[in-house]
Amino acid sequence: MNDDLININVLIFDRVYPLKVHRLEEEKVRQAAKNINDKVIEYQKLYAGRDKQDFLAMIALTLAVDNQNKESATDRFMSEEVLQKDLNLVQEALTLAIKS
C-alpha cells in the first residue's frame, strides 16, 4: 500500500510544503493548492492591508462552509431518494390491493 505513496512539494501562499500523497491523489492535492492560492490572490485584491493569517482563516472558513453546503445537499438528495422509494412501495402495495 505504501508503494503508491509519492513525495511532492506544493506551494501555498509563498511557502513550500513537502507532502507524501497517494499517486492517484496527486492531481487533487495540486489542484487544491492551486485553488487556495487563487483564493489568496482574490482576497488580497478585495481586502488589501490584511495579513497572511487573515487570508488563510478566511479561506478555511469559506471551504468549511462550502463543504457543509455540499453535505447538506447530499443529505437532502438522499432523503428525497429514500422518500421516493417509500412512495414507490406504497404505490405498489395499493396497486396490489386494488387488483385483489
N, C-alpha and C. Protein backbone atom coordinates (compact mmCIF):
# COMPACT_ATOMS: atom_id res chain seq x y z
N MET A 1 0.83 -1.19 0.00
CA MET A 1 0.00 0.00 0.00
C MET A 1 0.87 1.25 0.00
N ASN A 2 1.98 1.23 0.75
CA ASN A 2 2.86 2.39 0.78
C ASN A 2 3.60 2.57 -0.53
N ASP A 3 3.58 1.56 -1.40
CA ASP A 3 4.27 1.67 -2.67
C ASP A 3 3.68 2.76 -3.55
N ASP A 4 2.41 3.08 -3.36
CA ASP A 4 1.80 4.09 -4.21
C ASP A 4 1.92 5.50 -3.62
N LEU A 5 2.68 5.66 -2.52
CA LEU A 5 2.93 6.99 -1.97
C LEU A 5 4.08 7.64 -2.71
N ILE A 6 3.92 8.93 -2.99
CA ILE A 6 4.98 9.68 -3.66
C ILE A 6 5.22 10.97 -2.89
N ASN A 7 6.40 11.50 -3.03
CA ASN A 7 6.75 12.77 -2.42
C ASN A 7 6.50 13.89 -3.42
N ILE A 8 5.79 14.91 -2.97
CA ILE A 8 5.57 16.08 -3.81
C ILE A 8 5.79 17.33 -2.96
N ASN A 9 5.98 18.45 -3.62
CA ASN A 9 6.06 19.74 -2.96
C ASN A 9 4.93 20.60 -3.51
N VAL A 10 4.18 21.21 -2.61
CA VAL A 10 3.15 22.14 -3.04
C VAL A 10 3.46 23.51 -2.46
N LEU A 11 3.17 24.52 -3.22
CA LEU A 11 3.39 25.89 -2.81
C LEU A 11 2.06 26.50 -2.42
N ILE A 12 1.96 26.92 -1.17
CA ILE A 12 0.74 27.58 -0.69
C ILE A 12 1.15 28.89 -0.06
N PHE A 13 0.71 29.95 -0.67
CA PHE A 13 0.93 31.30 -0.16
C PHE A 13 2.41 31.54 0.16
N ASP A 14 3.24 31.30 -0.84
CA ASP A 14 4.69 31.56 -0.78
C ASP A 14 5.46 30.63 0.15
N ARG A 15 4.88 29.53 0.54
CA ARG A 15 5.58 28.54 1.35
C ARG A 15 5.49 27.18 0.67
N VAL A 16 6.60 26.46 0.70
CA VAL A 16 6.65 25.13 0.11
C VAL A 16 6.37 24.10 1.21
N TYR A 17 5.46 23.20 0.89
CA TYR A 17 5.10 22.13 1.83
C TYR A 17 5.41 20.78 1.18
N PRO A 18 6.38 20.04 1.74
CA PRO A 18 6.65 18.69 1.23
C PRO A 18 5.59 17.73 1.78
N LEU A 19 5.01 16.96 0.90
CA LEU A 19 3.95 16.03 1.30
C LEU A 19 4.19 14.65 0.72
N LYS A 20 3.67 13.65 1.40
CA LYS A 20 3.58 12.29 0.85
C LYS A 20 2.12 12.06 0.55
N VAL A 21 1.82 11.75 -0.70
CA VAL A 21 0.44 11.53 -1.10
C VAL A 21 0.35 10.26 -1.93
N HIS A 22 -0.84 9.72 -1.99
CA HIS A 22 -1.05 8.59 -2.89
C HIS A 22 -0.98 9.09 -4.33
N ARG A 23 -0.35 8.31 -5.14
CA ARG A 23 -0.14 8.68 -6.55
C ARG A 23 -1.46 9.11 -7.22
N LEU A 24 -2.54 8.40 -6.92
CA LEU A 24 -3.82 8.70 -7.55
C LEU A 24 -4.42 10.02 -7.05
N GLU A 25 -3.94 10.53 -5.92
CA GLU A 25 -4.48 11.76 -5.36
C GLU A 25 -3.60 12.97 -5.64
N GLU A 26 -2.48 12.76 -6.29
CA GLU A 26 -1.54 13.86 -6.53
C GLU A 26 -2.21 15.04 -7.23
N GLU A 27 -2.93 14.77 -8.27
CA GLU A 27 -3.56 15.86 -9.03
C GLU A 27 -4.58 16.62 -8.17
N LYS A 28 -5.33 15.89 -7.36
CA LYS A 28 -6.31 16.54 -6.47
C LYS A 28 -5.60 17.46 -5.47
N VAL A 29 -4.50 17.00 -4.91
CA VAL A 29 -3.75 17.79 -3.94
C VAL A 29 -3.20 19.05 -4.61
N ARG A 30 -2.63 18.87 -5.80
CA ARG A 30 -2.08 20.03 -6.52
C ARG A 30 -3.19 21.01 -6.91
N GLN A 31 -4.33 20.51 -7.31
CA GLN A 31 -5.45 21.38 -7.66
C GLN A 31 -5.97 22.11 -6.42
N ALA A 32 -6.02 21.42 -5.29
CA ALA A 32 -6.45 22.07 -4.05
C ALA A 32 -5.50 23.20 -3.67
N ALA A 33 -4.20 22.97 -3.80
CA ALA A 33 -3.22 24.02 -3.50
C ALA A 33 -3.40 25.20 -4.46
N LYS A 34 -3.66 24.91 -5.72
CA LYS A 34 -3.89 25.98 -6.70
C LYS A 34 -5.14 26.78 -6.33
N ASN A 35 -6.20 26.08 -5.93
CA ASN A 35 -7.44 26.76 -5.52
C ASN A 35 -7.19 27.68 -4.34
N ILE A 36 -6.40 27.22 -3.37
CA ILE A 36 -6.08 28.05 -2.22
C ILE A 36 -5.31 29.29 -2.66
N ASN A 37 -4.31 29.09 -3.50
CA ASN A 37 -3.52 30.23 -3.98
C ASN A 37 -4.37 31.21 -4.78
N ASP A 38 -5.30 30.70 -5.57
CA ASP A 38 -6.20 31.57 -6.32
C ASP A 38 -7.08 32.39 -5.38
N LYS A 39 -7.56 31.75 -4.31
CA LYS A 39 -8.38 32.47 -3.32
C LYS A 39 -7.55 33.54 -2.61
N VAL A 40 -6.29 33.23 -2.31
CA VAL A 40 -5.43 34.21 -1.66
C VAL A 40 -5.32 35.46 -2.54
N ILE A 41 -5.08 35.25 -3.81
CA ILE A 41 -4.96 36.38 -4.74
C ILE A 41 -6.26 37.17 -4.77
N GLU A 42 -7.38 36.46 -4.82
CA GLU A 42 -8.69 37.13 -4.82
C GLU A 42 -8.89 37.96 -3.55
N TYR A 43 -8.58 37.37 -2.40
CA TYR A 43 -8.75 38.09 -1.13
C TYR A 43 -7.76 39.24 -0.98
N GLN A 44 -6.55 39.08 -1.52
CA GLN A 44 -5.58 40.18 -1.46
C GLN A 44 -6.11 41.40 -2.21
N LYS A 45 -6.79 41.16 -3.31
CA LYS A 45 -7.36 42.26 -4.08
C LYS A 45 -8.55 42.89 -3.35
N LEU A 46 -9.37 42.05 -2.73
CA LEU A 46 -10.57 42.55 -2.05
C LEU A 46 -10.27 43.21 -0.72
N TYR A 47 -9.29 42.68 0.00
CA TYR A 47 -9.04 43.12 1.37
C TYR A 47 -7.57 43.52 1.53
N ALA A 48 -7.14 44.51 0.80
CA ALA A 48 -5.76 44.97 0.88
C ALA A 48 -5.43 45.39 2.31
N GLY A 49 -4.21 45.12 2.73
CA GLY A 49 -3.78 45.52 4.06
C GLY A 49 -3.92 44.44 5.11
N ARG A 50 -4.58 43.36 4.80
CA ARG A 50 -4.71 42.25 5.75
C ARG A 50 -3.43 41.41 5.73
N ASP A 51 -3.20 40.66 6.78
CA ASP A 51 -2.01 39.81 6.77
C ASP A 51 -2.35 38.39 6.31
N LYS A 52 -1.31 37.58 6.14
CA LYS A 52 -1.47 36.23 5.61
C LYS A 52 -2.41 35.39 6.47
N GLN A 53 -2.31 35.53 7.76
CA GLN A 53 -3.16 34.75 8.67
C GLN A 53 -4.63 35.03 8.42
N ASP A 54 -4.97 36.30 8.18
CA ASP A 54 -6.36 36.66 7.91
C ASP A 54 -6.85 35.97 6.63
N PHE A 55 -6.03 36.01 5.60
CA PHE A 55 -6.42 35.37 4.34
C PHE A 55 -6.63 33.88 4.50
N LEU A 56 -5.69 33.23 5.19
CA LEU A 56 -5.81 31.78 5.37
C LEU A 56 -7.01 31.42 6.22
N ALA A 57 -7.31 32.23 7.23
CA ALA A 57 -8.50 31.98 8.05
C ALA A 57 -9.77 32.15 7.23
N MET A 58 -9.82 33.18 6.39
CA MET A 58 -10.99 33.41 5.55
C MET A 58 -11.17 32.27 4.55
N ILE A 59 -10.07 31.78 4.01
CA ILE A 59 -10.15 30.66 3.06
C ILE A 59 -10.62 29.40 3.77
N ALA A 60 -10.09 29.13 4.95
CA ALA A 60 -10.51 27.95 5.71
C ALA A 60 -12.00 28.00 6.01
N LEU A 61 -12.48 29.18 6.42
CA LEU A 61 -13.91 29.33 6.71
C LEU A 61 -14.75 29.13 5.46
N THR A 62 -14.33 29.73 4.36
CA THR A 62 -15.06 29.58 3.09
C THR A 62 -15.14 28.12 2.67
N LEU A 63 -14.02 27.40 2.75
CA LEU A 63 -14.01 25.99 2.36
C LEU A 63 -14.86 25.14 3.29
N ALA A 64 -14.84 25.46 4.59
CA ALA A 64 -15.66 24.71 5.55
C ALA A 64 -17.15 24.90 5.27
N VAL A 65 -17.55 26.13 4.98
CA VAL A 65 -18.96 26.41 4.66
C VAL A 65 -19.35 25.71 3.37
N ASP A 66 -18.49 25.79 2.35
CA ASP A 66 -18.77 25.09 1.09
C ASP A 66 -18.96 23.60 1.32
N ASN A 67 -18.11 23.02 2.16
CA ASN A 67 -18.20 21.60 2.46
C ASN A 67 -19.51 21.27 3.16
N GLN A 68 -19.91 22.11 4.11
CA GLN A 68 -21.18 21.88 4.81
C GLN A 68 -22.36 22.00 3.86
N ASN A 69 -22.30 22.94 2.95
CA ASN A 69 -23.38 23.09 1.97
C ASN A 69 -23.49 21.86 1.07
N LYS A 70 -22.35 21.31 0.69
CA LYS A 70 -22.37 20.10 -0.15
C LYS A 70 -22.93 18.92 0.63
N GLU A 71 -22.55 18.81 1.91
CA GLU A 71 -23.08 17.73 2.74
C GLU A 71 -24.58 17.86 2.91
N SER A 72 -25.06 19.08 3.11
CA SER A 72 -26.50 19.32 3.27
C SER A 72 -27.25 18.95 2.00
N ALA A 73 -26.69 19.32 0.85
CA ALA A 73 -27.32 19.00 -0.42
C ALA A 73 -27.37 17.49 -0.62
N THR A 74 -26.30 16.79 -0.24
CA THR A 74 -26.27 15.34 -0.36
C THR A 74 -27.29 14.71 0.57
N ASP A 75 -27.39 15.23 1.81
CA ASP A 75 -28.38 14.72 2.76
C ASP A 75 -29.80 14.90 2.22
N ARG A 76 -30.08 16.09 1.64
CA ARG A 76 -31.42 16.32 1.09
C ARG A 76 -31.69 15.37 -0.07
N PHE A 77 -30.69 15.16 -0.93
CA PHE A 77 -30.87 14.26 -2.06
C PHE A 77 -31.15 12.85 -1.56
N MET A 78 -30.39 12.41 -0.55
CA MET A 78 -30.59 11.07 -0.02
C MET A 78 -31.98 10.95 0.61
N SER A 79 -32.43 11.97 1.30
CA SER A 79 -33.76 11.95 1.91
C SER A 79 -34.84 11.85 0.84
N GLU A 80 -34.67 12.61 -0.23
CA GLU A 80 -35.64 12.57 -1.32
C GLU A 80 -35.63 11.20 -2.00
N GLU A 81 -34.45 10.62 -2.12
CA GLU A 81 -34.33 9.30 -2.74
C GLU A 81 -35.03 8.25 -1.88
N VAL A 82 -34.82 8.29 -0.58
CA VAL A 82 -35.48 7.35 0.34
C VAL A 82 -36.99 7.54 0.30
N LEU A 83 -37.42 8.78 0.32
CA LEU A 83 -38.85 9.08 0.27
C LEU A 83 -39.46 8.54 -1.03
N GLN A 84 -38.76 8.73 -2.14
CA GLN A 84 -39.27 8.23 -3.42
C GLN A 84 -39.40 6.71 -3.40
N LYS A 85 -38.43 6.02 -2.83
CA LYS A 85 -38.50 4.56 -2.73
C LYS A 85 -39.70 4.15 -1.88
N ASP A 86 -39.90 4.85 -0.75
CA ASP A 86 -41.04 4.54 0.11
C ASP A 86 -42.36 4.78 -0.62
N LEU A 87 -42.44 5.87 -1.36
CA LEU A 87 -43.66 6.15 -2.12
C LEU A 87 -43.91 5.08 -3.18
N ASN A 88 -42.85 4.62 -3.80
CA ASN A 88 -42.99 3.55 -4.80
C ASN A 88 -43.52 2.27 -4.15
N LEU A 89 -43.02 1.96 -2.95
CA LEU A 89 -43.51 0.77 -2.24
C LEU A 89 -44.99 0.90 -1.89
N VAL A 90 -45.39 2.07 -1.43
CA VAL A 90 -46.80 2.31 -1.09
C VAL A 90 -47.66 2.18 -2.34
N GLN A 91 -47.19 2.76 -3.44
CA GLN A 91 -47.94 2.70 -4.70
C GLN A 91 -48.10 1.25 -5.15
N GLU A 92 -47.03 0.47 -5.05
CA GLU A 92 -47.10 -0.96 -5.43
C GLU A 92 -48.10 -1.70 -4.53
N ALA A 93 -48.05 -1.40 -3.24
CA ALA A 93 -48.96 -2.07 -2.31
C ALA A 93 -50.41 -1.70 -2.62
N LEU A 94 -50.65 -0.45 -2.90
CA LEU A 94 -52.02 0.00 -3.25
C LEU A 94 -52.48 -0.65 -4.55
N THR A 95 -51.60 -0.72 -5.51
CA THR A 95 -51.93 -1.32 -6.79
C THR A 95 -52.31 -2.81 -6.59
N LEU A 96 -51.53 -3.51 -5.77
CA LEU A 96 -51.83 -4.91 -5.48
C LEU A 96 -53.16 -5.05 -4.72
N ALA A 97 -53.40 -4.12 -3.78
CA ALA A 97 -54.64 -4.17 -3.00
C ALA A 97 -55.86 -3.92 -3.88
N ILE A 98 -55.72 -3.01 -4.82
CA ILE A 98 -56.85 -2.70 -5.71
C ILE A 98 -57.13 -3.88 -6.62
N LYS A 99 -56.10 -4.58 -7.09
CA LYS A 99 -56.28 -5.69 -8.00
C LYS A 99 -56.86 -6.91 -7.28
N SER A 100 -56.68 -6.98 -5.98
CA SER A 100 -57.15 -8.18 -5.24
C SER A 100 -58.60 -8.15 -4.97
